[in-house]
Amino acid sequence: MYRKLLAWTIVVIVPLSFYIFFKYFFHNPTSDPLPIYGHKDISPTTQDTIYHQLPDFQLIAHHKDTINKLYFANKLHIANFFFTRCPGMCPILTKSMLRLQKEFQMDTLIKLVSYTVDPEHDSVPILRKFAYKNKINDSFWSIITGEKQQLYEFYKNGYLINALENKDDTTNIENQFIHTEKLVLIDDQFRIRGFYDGTNEQSIKILINDILRLRIELRKKQRKFTS
């Protein structure tokens, strides 16, 4: 019995342990840092580069909490843009986000957020039903609504993403709201580090890889700060 248990440990547990260890601590295939997107300024006092950051905001999540910028402090987060009535691209984006949830929901350094582009329809109760239907982990993934103009300006000025209502087409719900298929990766300093096609399998693999790279950097930073 002991020999069988030892053999099972060697064959299964040891390789699995090495896989997890190397995936989360040595998964860094390139030393080149990820780009930082958006406008850049130079500090007149320190001459340091000041990068574009998400502005402050205060919006409502599907779990009825008010979400602001501090909710993502010292964490990485990935954002996407959708609406619950969307029959075409949005279910594919949600599937990609669910893949990220499966991959990272136990990680305290990572959050997901989905922003509606149809807030006049996507109220908190409707977003709660959407979250329940898709088995969304409320502590890991927030779905956001708010006042339409405030949201659209925040998307444009914060995430550098355009969203708008197409009032010329009132017959096809899929065409009534124009939004991006991109998933946006934000680092712990609220800077944009990448845009990824949420409908493309290869792009999602690259996103997962980039999340792991930033996570390693963040963990090193936190260890240095606490040591």
C-alpha atoms as a PDB file:
ATOM      1  CA  MET A   1       0.000   0.000   0.000  1.00  0.00           C
ATOM      2  CA  TYR A   2       2.797   2.392   0.921  1.00  0.00           C
ATOM      3  CA  ARG A   3       4.639   1.684  -2.335  1.00  0.00           C
ATOM      4  CA  LYS A   4       1.497   2.338  -4.387  1.00  0.00           C
ATOM      5  CA  LEU A   5       0.965   5.649  -2.592  1.00  0.00           C
ATOM      6  CA  LEU A   6       4.600   6.641  -3.108  1.00  0.00           C
ATOM      7  CA  ALA A   7       4.433   5.737  -6.797  1.00  0.00           C
ATOM      8  CA  TRP A   8       1.210   7.729  -7.251  1.00  0.00           C
ATOM      9  CA  THR A   9       2.816  10.730  -5.551  1.00  0.00           C
ATOM     10  CA  ILE A  10       5.858  10.588  -7.823  1.00  0.00           C
ATOM     11  CA  VAL A  11       3.823  10.153 -10.998  1.00  0.00           C
ATOM     12  CA  VAL A  12       1.055  12.697 -10.302  1.00  0.00           C
ATOM     13  CA  ILE A  13       1.743  15.080  -7.438  1.00  0.00           C
ATOM     14  CA  VAL A  14       5.373  15.944  -8.151  1.00  0.00           C
ATOM     15  CA  PRO A  15       4.890  16.858 -11.849  1.00  0.00           C
ATOM     16  CA  LEU A  16       1.753  18.833 -11.000  1.00  0.00           C
ATOM     17  CA  SER A  17       3.588  20.763  -8.296  1.00  0.00           C
ATOM     18  CA  PHE A  18       6.414  21.637 -10.695  1.00  0.00           C
ATOM     19  CA  TYR A  19       3.869  22.757 -13.317  1.00  0.00           C
ATOM     20  CA  ILE A  20       2.125  25.129 -10.917  1.00  0.00           C
ATOM     21  CA  PHE A  21       5.405  26.469  -9.550  1.00  0.00           C
ATOM     22  CA  PHE A  22       6.928  27.245 -12.917  1.00  0.00           C
ATOM     23  CA  LYS A  23       3.666  28.580 -14.353  1.00  0.00           C
ATOM     24  CA  TYR A  24       3.246  31.240 -11.698  1.00  0.00           C
ATOM     25  CA  PHE A  25       6.820  32.098 -10.787  1.00  0.00           C
ATOM     26  CA  PHE A  26       8.982  31.494 -13.866  1.00  0.00           C
ATOM     27  CA  HIS A  27       6.528  31.925 -16.723  1.00  0.00           C
ATOM     28  CA  ASN A  28       8.288  34.857 -18.389  1.00  0.00           C
ATOM     29  CA  PRO A  29       9.315  33.957 -21.957  1.00  0.00           C
ATOM     30  CA  THR A  30      10.607  37.438 -22.773  1.00  0.00           C
ATOM     31  CA  SER A  31      12.451  40.070 -20.791  1.00  0.00           C
ATOM     32  CA  ASP A  32      10.999  42.941 -22.811  1.00  0.00           C
ATOM     33  CA  PRO A  33       8.558  44.947 -20.650  1.00  0.00           C
ATOM     34  CA  LEU A  34       4.984  45.334 -21.788  1.00  0.00           C
ATOM     35  CA  PRO A  35       4.209  48.687 -23.418  1.00  0.00           C
ATOM     36  CA  ILE A  36       2.380  51.455 -21.566  1.00  0.00           C
ATOM     37  CA  TYR A  37      -0.369  53.021 -23.679  1.00  0.00           C
ATOM     38  CA  GLY A  38      -1.733  56.540 -23.759  1.00  0.00           C
ATOM     39  CA  HIS A  39      -0.460  60.080 -23.464  1.00  0.00           C
ATOM     40  CA  LYS A  40       2.875  60.686 -21.728  1.00  0.00           C
ATOM     41  CA  ASP A  41       4.207  63.783 -19.974  1.00  0.00           C
ATOM     42  CA  ILE A  42       7.517  64.668 -18.369  1.00  0.00           C
ATOM     43  CA  SER A  43       7.527  65.860 -14.770  1.00  0.00           C
ATOM     44  CA  PRO A  44       9.088  69.353 -14.653  1.00  0.00           C
ATOM     45  CA  THR A  45      10.563  68.649 -11.210  1.00  0.00           C
ATOM     46  CA  THR A  46      11.860  65.074 -11.438  1.00  0.00           C
ATOM     47  CA  GLN A  47      12.040  64.644 -15.231  1.00  0.00           C
ATOM     48  CA  ASP A  48      10.298  61.293 -14.767  1.00  0.00           C
ATOM     49  CA  THR A  49       7.806  60.092 -17.362  1.00  0.00           C
ATOM     50  CA  ILE A  50       4.176  60.494 -16.274  1.00  0.00           C
ATOM     51  CA  TYR A  51       1.993  57.942 -18.008  1.00  0.00           C
ATOM     52  CA  HIS A  52      -1.716  57.972 -18.762  1.00  0.00           C
ATOM     53  CA  GLN A  53      -3.772  56.528 -15.896  1.00  0.00           C
ATOM     54  CA  LEU A  54      -7.416  55.740 -15.325  1.00  0.00           C
ATOM     55  CA  PRO A  55      -9.159  58.791 -13.847  1.00  0.00           C
ATOM     56  CA  ASP A  56     -11.120  58.616 -10.609  1.00  0.00           C
ATOM     57  CA  PHE A  57     -14.646  57.275 -10.982  1.00  0.00           C
ATOM     58  CA  GLN A  58     -17.653  56.157  -8.962  1.00  0.00           C
ATOM     59  CA  LEU A  59     -20.051  53.663 -10.549  1.00  0.00           C
ATOM     60  CA  ILE A  60     -22.486  50.918  -9.542  1.00  0.00           C
ATOM     61  CA  ALA A  61     -21.724  47.196  -9.726  1.00  0.00           C
ATOM     62  CA  HIS A  62     -24.148  44.328 -10.155  1.00  0.00           C
ATOM     63  CA  HIS A  63     -23.561  43.267  -6.544  1.00  0.00           C
ATOM     64  CA  LYS A  64     -24.990  46.681  -5.522  1.00  0.00           C
ATOM     65  CA  ASP A  65     -21.657  48.029  -4.284  1.00  0.00           C
ATOM     66  CA  THR A  66     -20.329  51.407  -5.379  1.00  0.00           C
ATOM     67  CA  ILE A  67     -17.088  50.841  -7.265  1.00  0.00           C
ATOM     68  CA  ASN A  68     -14.350  53.437  -7.445  1.00  0.00           C
ATOM     69  CA  LYS A  69     -10.713  53.526  -8.460  1.00  0.00           C
ATOM     70  CA  LEU A  70      -9.515  52.230  -5.092  1.00  0.00           C
ATOM     71  CA  TYR A  71     -11.333  48.946  -5.715  1.00  0.00           C
ATOM     72  CA  PHE A  72      -8.517  48.083  -8.137  1.00  0.00           C
ATOM     73  CA  ALA A  73      -5.668  49.538  -6.057  1.00  0.00           C
ATOM     74  CA  ASN A  74      -2.516  47.376  -5.965  1.00  0.00           C
ATOM     75  CA  LYS A  75      -4.117  44.860  -8.315  1.00  0.00           C
ATOM     76  CA  LEU A  76      -4.162  44.002 -11.990  1.00  0.00           C
ATOM     77  CA  HIS A  77      -7.507  44.118 -13.710  1.00  0.00           C
ATOM     78  CA  ILE A  78      -8.910  43.190 -17.098  1.00  0.00           C
ATOM     79  CA  ALA A  79     -11.862  45.108 -18.553  1.00  0.00           C
ATOM     80  CA  ASN A  80     -14.296  44.428 -21.355  1.00  0.00           C
ATOM     81  CA  PHE A  81     -17.296  46.286 -22.790  1.00  0.00           C
ATOM     82  CA  PHE A  82     -20.633  44.675 -23.633  1.00  0.00           C
ATOM     83  CA  PHE A  83     -24.409  44.812 -23.210  1.00  0.00           C
ATOM     84  CA  THR A  84     -26.720  42.068 -22.021  1.00  0.00           C
ATOM     85  CA  ARG A  85     -29.056  42.176 -25.060  1.00  0.00           C
ATOM     86  CA  CYS A  86     -26.167  41.763 -27.520  1.00  0.00           C
ATOM     87  CA  PRO A  87     -26.690  38.528 -29.497  1.00  0.00           C
ATOM     88  CA  GLY A  88     -23.478  38.491 -31.514  1.00  0.00           C
ATOM     89  CA  MET A  89     -20.036  39.425 -30.265  1.00  0.00           C
ATOM     90  CA  CYS A  90     -20.832  39.843 -26.546  1.00  0.00           C
ATOM     91  CA  PRO A  91     -21.428  36.153 -25.718  1.00  0.00           C
ATOM     92  CA  ILE A  92     -17.988  35.417 -27.177  1.00  0.00           C
ATOM     93  CA  LEU A  93     -16.442  38.156 -25.015  1.00  0.00           C
ATOM     94  CA  THR A  94     -18.203  36.774 -21.949  1.00  0.00           C
ATOM     95  CA  LYS A  95     -16.859  33.313 -22.731  1.00  0.00           C
ATOM     96  CA  SER A  96     -13.331  34.746 -22.865  1.00  0.00           C
ATOM     97  CA  MET A  97     -13.839  36.506 -19.535  1.00  0.00           C
ATOM     98  CA  LEU A  98     -15.161  33.264 -18.029  1.00  0.00           C
ATOM     99  CA  ARG A  99     -11.957  31.605 -19.142  1.00  0.00           C
ATOM    100  CA  LEU A 100     -10.000  34.265 -17.255  1.00  0.00           C
ATOM    101  CA  GLN A 101     -12.217  33.717 -14.225  1.00  0.00           C
ATOM    102  CA  LYS A 102     -11.458  29.998 -14.290  1.00  0.00           C
ATOM    103  CA  GLU A 103      -7.748  30.732 -14.608  1.00  0.00           C
ATOM    104  CA  PHE A 104      -7.340  33.477 -12.002  1.00  0.00           C
ATOM    105  CA  GLN A 105     -10.318  33.716  -9.631  1.00  0.00           C
ATOM    106  CA  MET A 106      -8.312  32.389  -6.677  1.00  0.00           C
ATOM    107  CA  ASP A 107      -5.624  35.037  -7.205  1.00  0.00           C
ATOM    108  CA  THR A 108      -6.031  38.031  -4.867  1.00  0.00           C
ATOM    109  CA  LEU A 109      -3.917  40.245  -7.142  1.00  0.00           C
ATOM    110  CA  ILE A 110      -6.289  40.069 -10.119  1.00  0.00           C
ATOM    111  CA  LYS A 111      -9.817  41.352 -10.822  1.00  0.00           C
ATOM    112  CA  LEU A 112     -12.184  41.314 -13.785  1.00  0.00           C
ATOM    113  CA  VAL A 113     -14.622  44.069 -14.708  1.00  0.00           C
ATOM    114  CA  SER A 114     -17.269  44.310 -17.441  1.00  0.00           C
ATOM    115  CA  TYR A 115     -18.793  47.667 -18.380  1.00  0.00           C
ATOM    116  CA  THR A 116     -22.155  47.943 -20.076  1.00  0.00           C
ATOM    117  CA  VAL A 117     -22.580  50.225 -23.092  1.00  0.00           C
ATOM    118  CA  ASP A 118     -26.368  50.049 -22.670  1.00  0.00           C
ATOM    119  CA  PRO A 119     -26.899  51.375 -19.128  1.00  0.00           C
ATOM    120  CA  GLU A 120     -30.463  52.567 -19.744  1.00  0.00           C
ATOM    121  CA  HIS A 121     -31.463  48.918 -20.122  1.00  0.00           C
ATOM    122  CA  ASP A 122     -28.740  47.186 -18.102  1.00  0.00           C
ATOM    123  CA  SER A 123     -29.905  48.058 -14.592  1.00  0.00           C
ATOM    124  CA  VAL A 124     -28.468  46.432 -11.476  1.00  0.00           C
ATOM    125  CA  PRO A 125     -31.229  43.744 -11.340  1.00  0.00           C
ATOM    126  CA  ILE A 126     -30.643  42.832 -14.990  1.00  0.00           C
ATOM    127  CA  LEU A 127     -26.881  42.663 -14.450  1.00  0.00           C
ATOM    128  CA  ARG A 128     -27.437  40.467 -11.391  1.00  0.00           C
ATOM    129  CA  LYS A 129     -29.487  38.045 -13.500  1.00  0.00           C
ATOM    130  CA  PHE A 130     -26.746  38.072 -16.125  1.00  0.00           C
ATOM    131  CA  ALA A 131     -24.118  37.324 -13.473  1.00  0.00           C
ATOM    132  CA  TYR A 132     -26.176  34.474 -12.018  1.00  0.00           C
ATOM    133  CA  LYS A 133     -26.842  32.965 -15.447  1.00  0.00           C
ATOM    134  CA  ASN A 134     -23.142  33.009 -16.322  1.00  0.00           C
ATOM    135  CA  LYS A 135     -21.937  31.806 -12.887  1.00  0.00           C
ATOM    136  CA  ILE A 136     -19.891  34.927 -12.299  1.00  0.00           C
ATOM    137  CA  ASN A 137     -17.863  35.081  -9.090  1.00  0.00           C
ATOM    138  CA  ASP A 138     -19.037  38.336  -7.467  1.00  0.00           C
ATOM    139  CA  SER A 139     -15.894  38.727  -5.367  1.00  0.00           C
ATOM    140  CA  PHE A 140     -13.673  38.466  -8.440  1.00  0.00           C
ATOM    141  CA  TRP A 141     -15.670  39.960 -11.305  1.00  0.00           C
ATOM    142  CA  SER A 142     -17.775  43.138 -11.218  1.00  0.00           C
ATOM    143  CA  ILE A 143     -20.285  44.195 -13.881  1.00  0.00           C
ATOM    144  CA  ILE A 144     -20.692  47.949 -13.997  1.00  0.00           C
ATOM    145  CA  THR A 145     -23.486  50.320 -14.941  1.00  0.00           C
ATOM    146  CA  GLY A 146     -24.163  54.019 -14.433  1.00  0.00           C
ATOM    147  CA  GLU A 147     -25.257  57.135 -16.275  1.00  0.00           C
ATOM    148  CA  LYS A 148     -24.698  56.736 -20.014  1.00  0.00           C
ATOM    149  CA  GLN A 149     -22.784  59.894 -20.801  1.00  0.00           C
ATOM    150  CA  GLN A 150     -20.588  59.481 -17.734  1.00  0.00           C
ATOM    151  CA  LEU A 151     -19.778  55.925 -18.757  1.00  0.00           C
ATOM    152  CA  TYR A 152     -18.997  56.782 -22.369  1.00  0.00           C
ATOM    153  CA  GLU A 153     -16.663  59.619 -21.356  1.00  0.00           C
ATOM    154  CA  PHE A 154     -14.965  57.352 -18.807  1.00  0.00           C
ATOM    155  CA  TYR A 155     -14.403  54.644 -21.411  1.00  0.00           C
ATOM    156  CA  LYS A 156     -12.905  57.153 -23.848  1.00  0.00           C
ATOM    157  CA  ASN A 157     -10.761  59.143 -21.410  1.00  0.00           C
ATOM    158  CA  GLY A 158      -9.804  56.240 -19.150  1.00  0.00           C
ATOM    159  CA  TYR A 159      -9.569  53.033 -21.156  1.00  0.00           C
ATOM    160  CA  LEU A 160      -9.067  54.848 -24.482  1.00  0.00           C
ATOM    161  CA  ILE A 161     -12.073  52.924 -25.825  1.00  0.00           C
ATOM    162  CA  ASN A 162     -14.981  54.367 -27.802  1.00  0.00           C
ATOM    163  CA  ALA A 163     -18.592  53.370 -27.198  1.00  0.00           C
ATOM    164  CA  LEU A 164     -21.657  55.037 -28.633  1.00  0.00           C
ATOM    165  CA  GLU A 165     -25.321  54.529 -29.360  1.00  0.00           C
ATOM    166  CA  ASN A 166     -26.220  54.121 -33.025  1.00  0.00           C
ATOM    167  CA  LYS A 167     -29.577  55.899 -33.276  1.00  0.00           C
ATOM    168  CA  ASP A 168     -29.729  55.330 -37.032  1.00  0.00           C
ATOM    169  CA  ASP A 169     -30.524  51.633 -36.580  1.00  0.00           C
ATOM    170  CA  THR A 170     -33.506  50.968 -34.313  1.00  0.00           C
ATOM    171  CA  THR A 171     -34.467  47.598 -35.785  1.00  0.00           C
ATOM    172  CA  ASN A 172     -31.378  45.464 -35.130  1.00  0.00           C
ATOM    173  CA  ILE A 173     -30.373  45.431 -31.446  1.00  0.00           C
ATOM    174  CA  GLU A 174     -26.892  44.189 -32.301  1.00  0.00           C
ATOM    175  CA  ASN A 175     -26.203  47.379 -34.288  1.00  0.00           C
ATOM    176  CA  GLN A 176     -27.748  49.837 -31.822  1.00  0.00           C
ATOM    177  CA  PHE A 177     -24.641  50.019 -29.644  1.00  0.00           C
ATOM    178  CA  ILE A 178     -21.162  50.269 -31.115  1.00  0.00           C
ATOM    179  CA  HIS A 179     -18.411  48.980 -28.865  1.00  0.00           C
ATOM    180  CA  THR A 180     -15.050  47.269 -29.042  1.00  0.00           C
ATOM    181  CA  GLU A 181     -14.152  43.602 -28.976  1.00  0.00           C
ATOM    182  CA  LYS A 182     -10.990  44.483 -27.046  1.00  0.00           C
ATOM    183  CA  LEU A 183     -10.114  43.337 -23.546  1.00  0.00           C
ATOM    184  CA  VAL A 184      -7.937  45.875 -21.751  1.00  0.00           C
ATOM    185  CA  LEU A 185      -5.184  44.956 -19.285  1.00  0.00           C
ATOM    186  CA  ILE A 186      -4.542  47.518 -16.521  1.00  0.00           C
ATOM    187  CA  ASP A 187      -1.636  47.328 -14.096  1.00  0.00           C
ATOM    188  CA  ASP A 188      -1.498  48.157 -10.379  1.00  0.00           C
ATOM    189  CA  GLN A 189      -0.708  51.810 -11.176  1.00  0.00           C
ATOM    190  CA  PHE A 190      -3.878  52.143 -13.308  1.00  0.00           C
ATOM    191  CA  ARG A 191      -1.872  52.219 -16.532  1.00  0.00           C
ATOM    192  CA  ILE A 192      -2.972  50.492 -19.758  1.00  0.00           C
ATOM    193  CA  ARG A 193      -0.575  47.651 -20.603  1.00  0.00           C
ATOM    194  CA  GLY A 194      -2.353  45.913 -23.456  1.00  0.00           C
ATOM    195  CA  PHE A 195      -5.359  45.556 -25.777  1.00  0.00           C
ATOM    196  CA  TYR A 196      -6.458  42.054 -26.792  1.00  0.00           C
ATOM    197  CA  ASP A 197      -9.079  40.703 -29.184  1.00  0.00           C
ATOM    198  CA  GLY A 198     -11.621  39.025 -26.919  1.00  0.00           C
ATOM    199  CA  THR A 199     -12.994  36.990 -29.820  1.00  0.00           C
ATOM    200  CA  ASN A 200      -9.635  35.475 -30.791  1.00  0.00           C
ATOM    201  CA  GLU A 201      -8.213  32.367 -29.092  1.00  0.00           C
ATOM    202  CA  GLN A 202      -4.567  33.256 -29.735  1.00  0.00           C
ATOM    203  CA  SER A 203      -5.057  36.779 -28.432  1.00  0.00           C
ATOM    204  CA  ILE A 204      -6.524  35.412 -25.180  1.00  0.00           C
ATOM    205  CA  LYS A 205      -3.489  33.142 -24.760  1.00  0.00           C
ATOM    206  CA  ILE A 206      -1.236  36.191 -25.139  1.00  0.00           C
ATOM    207  CA  LEU A 207      -3.355  38.056 -22.584  1.00  0.00           C
ATOM    208  CA  ILE A 208      -3.018  35.217 -20.056  1.00  0.00           C
ATOM    209  CA  ASN A 209       0.726  35.203 -20.595  1.00  0.00           C
ATOM    210  CA  ASP A 210       0.919  38.992 -20.096  1.00  0.00           C
ATOM    211  CA  ILE A 211      -1.177  38.785 -16.916  1.00  0.00           C
ATOM    212  CA  LEU A 212       1.284  36.255 -15.517  1.00  0.00           C
ATOM    213  CA  ARG A 213       4.218  38.499 -16.426  1.00  0.00           C
ATOM    214  CA  LEU A 214       2.704  41.530 -14.693  1.00  0.00           C
ATOM    215  CA  ARG A 215       1.734  39.393 -11.727  1.00  0.00           C
ATOM    216  CA  ILE A 216       5.357  38.339 -11.239  1.00  0.00           C
ATOM    217  CA  GLU A 217       6.444  41.997 -11.349  1.00  0.00           C
ATOM    218  CA  LEU A 218       3.745  42.990  -8.870  1.00  0.00           C
ATOM    219  CA  ARG A 219       4.611  40.178  -6.471  1.00  0.00           C
ATOM    220  CA  LYS A 220       8.296  41.144  -6.563  1.00  0.00           C
ATOM    221  CA  LYS A 221       7.365  44.748  -5.888  1.00  0.00           C
ATOM    222  CA  GLN A 222       5.225  43.806  -2.914  1.00  0.00           C
ATOM    223  CA  ARG A 223       7.927  41.568  -1.452  1.00  0.00           C
ATOM    224  CA  LYS A 224      10.483  44.365  -1.815  1.00  0.00           C
ATOM    225  CA  PHE A 225       8.115  46.829  -0.147  1.00  0.00           C
ATOM    226  CA  THR A 226       7.447  44.559   2.848  1.00  0.00           C
ATOM    227  CA  SER A 227      11.034  43.362   3.339  1.00  0.00           C
END
